[in-house]
Amino acid sequence: MTTTKRTAVNPWAWSVEMGYNQGELVSGHTRTLYCSGQTAMSADGRPEHAGDMAAQLALSLDNLEAVLGEAGMSLANLVRLNVYTTDVDRLFESYGVLAARLGAAGVAPSTTMLGVSRLAIPDLLVELEGTAVA
């Protein structure tokens, strides 16, 4: 069985201080999971927590973890995270929710955050799209 090796690639220290790596070199992996964007949707497909960025971010993370779990993975396997939000400033106010969960998992995946005019459902404020390896 091949062991996955992850090597952080950081030509500058500032991103590490913010909780993410500029890149992650992954070798020896045998499985890669590309996750669709996860939002604050209930198990029956209804948007939750209208107007509450922190609660939507937490539920989006829960949903991302559920997808990872179905593949036998966890947040610890995340190597890439794209964050889409309709309000970057409000997301930064709640960024601790994301940083704490990633920190607890011991990961700092390479991350891109984009401000968008809207998501698929108007009440949604944030969407998380991940790539994981095992």
Protein backbone atom coordinates (compact mmCIF):
# COMPACT_ATOMS: atom_id res chain seq x y z
CA MET A 1 0.00 0.00 0.00
CA THR A 2 1.37 3.37 -1.01
CA THR A 3 1.54 6.09 1.62
CA THR A 4 0.35 9.55 0.65
CA LYS A 5 2.97 12.22 1.24
CA ARG A 6 1.99 15.88 1.38
CA THR A 7 4.58 18.63 1.19
CA ALA A 8 3.61 22.25 1.78
CA VAL A 9 4.91 24.67 -0.86
CA ASN A 10 5.18 28.19 0.54
CA PRO A 11 7.62 30.68 -0.96
CA TRP A 12 6.23 33.23 1.56
CA ALA A 13 5.18 32.85 5.19
CA TRP A 14 2.11 35.12 5.19
CA SER A 15 -0.33 32.52 3.84
CA VAL A 16 0.68 29.98 6.49
CA GLU A 17 -0.15 32.60 9.12
CA MET A 18 -3.63 32.84 7.54
CA GLY A 19 -4.10 29.08 7.64
CA TYR A 20 -3.41 27.93 4.10
CA ASN A 21 -0.55 26.81 1.90
CA GLN A 22 0.27 28.33 -1.47
CA GLY A 23 0.51 24.81 -2.83
CA GLU A 24 0.60 21.19 -1.76
CA LEU A 25 2.75 18.64 -3.52
CA VAL A 26 1.07 15.25 -3.19
CA SER A 27 2.81 12.01 -4.05
CA GLY A 28 2.00 8.37 -3.54
CA HIS A 29 -1.76 8.88 -3.48
CA THR A 30 -4.05 6.25 -4.91
CA ARG A 31 -7.41 8.02 -4.86
CA THR A 32 -8.51 11.57 -5.68
CA LEU A 33 -11.98 12.91 -4.88
CA TYR A 34 -13.28 16.01 -6.66
CA CYS A 35 -16.20 17.39 -4.66
CA SER A 36 -19.02 19.46 -6.10
CA GLY A 37 -19.65 22.77 -4.42
CA GLN A 38 -21.26 22.28 -1.02
CA THR A 39 -23.62 24.85 0.42
CA ALA A 40 -25.92 25.28 3.40
CA MET A 41 -28.48 22.77 2.17
CA SER A 42 -30.45 20.43 4.42
CA ALA A 43 -30.46 16.68 3.81
CA ASP A 44 -33.71 17.10 1.85
CA GLY A 45 -32.24 19.79 -0.42
CA ARG A 46 -33.54 22.99 1.16
CA PRO A 47 -31.40 26.06 1.84
CA GLU A 48 -30.82 26.75 5.53
CA HIS A 49 -29.79 29.76 7.66
CA ALA A 50 -30.80 32.64 5.36
CA GLY A 51 -28.70 35.70 6.12
CA ASP A 52 -26.41 33.92 8.64
CA MET A 53 -22.94 33.60 7.12
CA ALA A 54 -21.37 31.72 10.06
CA ALA A 55 -24.17 29.13 10.17
CA GLN A 56 -24.09 28.69 6.39
CA LEU A 57 -20.32 28.24 6.46
CA ALA A 58 -20.59 25.63 9.22
CA LEU A 59 -23.32 23.67 7.38
CA SER A 60 -21.38 23.89 4.11
CA LEU A 61 -18.40 22.36 5.93
CA ASP A 62 -20.64 19.67 7.42
CA ASN A 63 -21.89 18.84 3.93
CA LEU A 64 -18.36 18.78 2.52
CA GLU A 65 -17.35 16.43 5.34
CA ALA A 66 -20.34 14.20 4.52
CA VAL A 67 -19.20 13.85 0.90
CA LEU A 68 -15.64 13.15 2.02
CA GLY A 69 -16.92 10.61 4.54
CA GLU A 70 -18.88 8.72 1.88
CA ALA A 71 -15.56 8.23 0.08
CA GLY A 72 -13.78 7.10 3.27
CA MET A 73 -12.02 10.44 3.67
CA SER A 74 -12.17 13.45 5.99
CA LEU A 75 -11.14 17.10 6.03
CA ALA A 76 -7.63 15.79 6.76
CA ASN A 77 -7.50 14.58 3.12
CA LEU A 78 -8.39 17.99 1.66
CA VAL A 79 -5.61 19.41 -0.55
CA ARG A 80 -7.58 22.10 -2.40
CA LEU A 81 -10.47 24.31 -1.29
CA ASN A 82 -12.28 26.87 -3.43
CA VAL A 83 -14.53 29.25 -1.51
CA TYR A 84 -17.22 31.19 -3.37
CA THR A 85 -19.15 33.87 -1.51
CA THR A 86 -21.62 36.61 -2.28
CA ASP A 87 -20.05 38.80 0.44
CA VAL A 88 -16.30 38.57 1.01
CA ASP A 89 -16.33 41.00 3.94
CA ARG A 90 -19.00 39.01 5.81
CA LEU A 91 -17.14 35.79 5.06
CA PHE A 92 -13.97 37.20 6.61
CA GLU A 93 -15.99 38.09 9.73
CA SER A 94 -16.88 34.37 10.02
CA TYR A 95 -13.58 33.00 8.71
CA GLY A 96 -12.76 31.58 12.15
CA VAL A 97 -15.43 28.91 11.57
CA LEU A 98 -13.51 27.64 8.55
CA ALA A 99 -10.04 28.13 10.02
CA ALA A 100 -10.94 26.28 13.24
CA ARG A 101 -12.34 23.25 11.41
CA LEU A 102 -9.37 23.01 9.05
CA GLY A 103 -6.95 23.54 11.94
CA ALA A 104 -8.64 20.81 13.99
CA ALA A 105 -8.19 18.48 10.99
CA GLY A 106 -4.52 19.44 10.79
CA VAL A 107 -4.70 20.74 7.23
CA ALA A 108 -4.02 24.01 5.42
CA PRO A 109 -5.17 23.23 1.87
CA SER A 110 -4.29 25.52 -0.99
CA THR A 111 -7.28 27.86 -1.14
CA THR A 112 -8.89 30.36 -3.48
CA MET A 113 -11.64 32.70 -2.32
CA LEU A 114 -13.83 34.40 -4.89
CA GLY A 115 -16.56 37.00 -4.51
CA VAL A 116 -19.47 36.21 -6.83
CA SER A 117 -22.67 38.11 -7.61
CA ARG A 118 -24.85 35.17 -6.51
CA LEU A 119 -24.92 31.42 -6.04
CA ALA A 120 -27.38 28.91 -7.53
CA ILE A 121 -30.04 29.65 -4.89
CA PRO A 122 -30.44 33.34 -3.94
CA ASP A 123 -30.43 32.80 -0.12
CA LEU A 124 -27.06 31.03 -0.22
CA LEU A 125 -24.04 33.10 0.82
CA VAL A 126 -21.14 30.64 0.56
CA GLU A 127 -20.16 27.52 -1.39
CA LEU A 128 -17.17 25.23 -0.75
CA GLU A 129 -15.58 23.11 -3.48
CA GLY A 130 -12.86 20.68 -2.47
CA THR A 131 -10.34 18.20 -3.79
CA ALA A 132 -9.10 15.43 -1.51
CA VAL A 133 -6.50 12.69 -1.86
CA ALA A 134 -5.88 9.44 -0.02
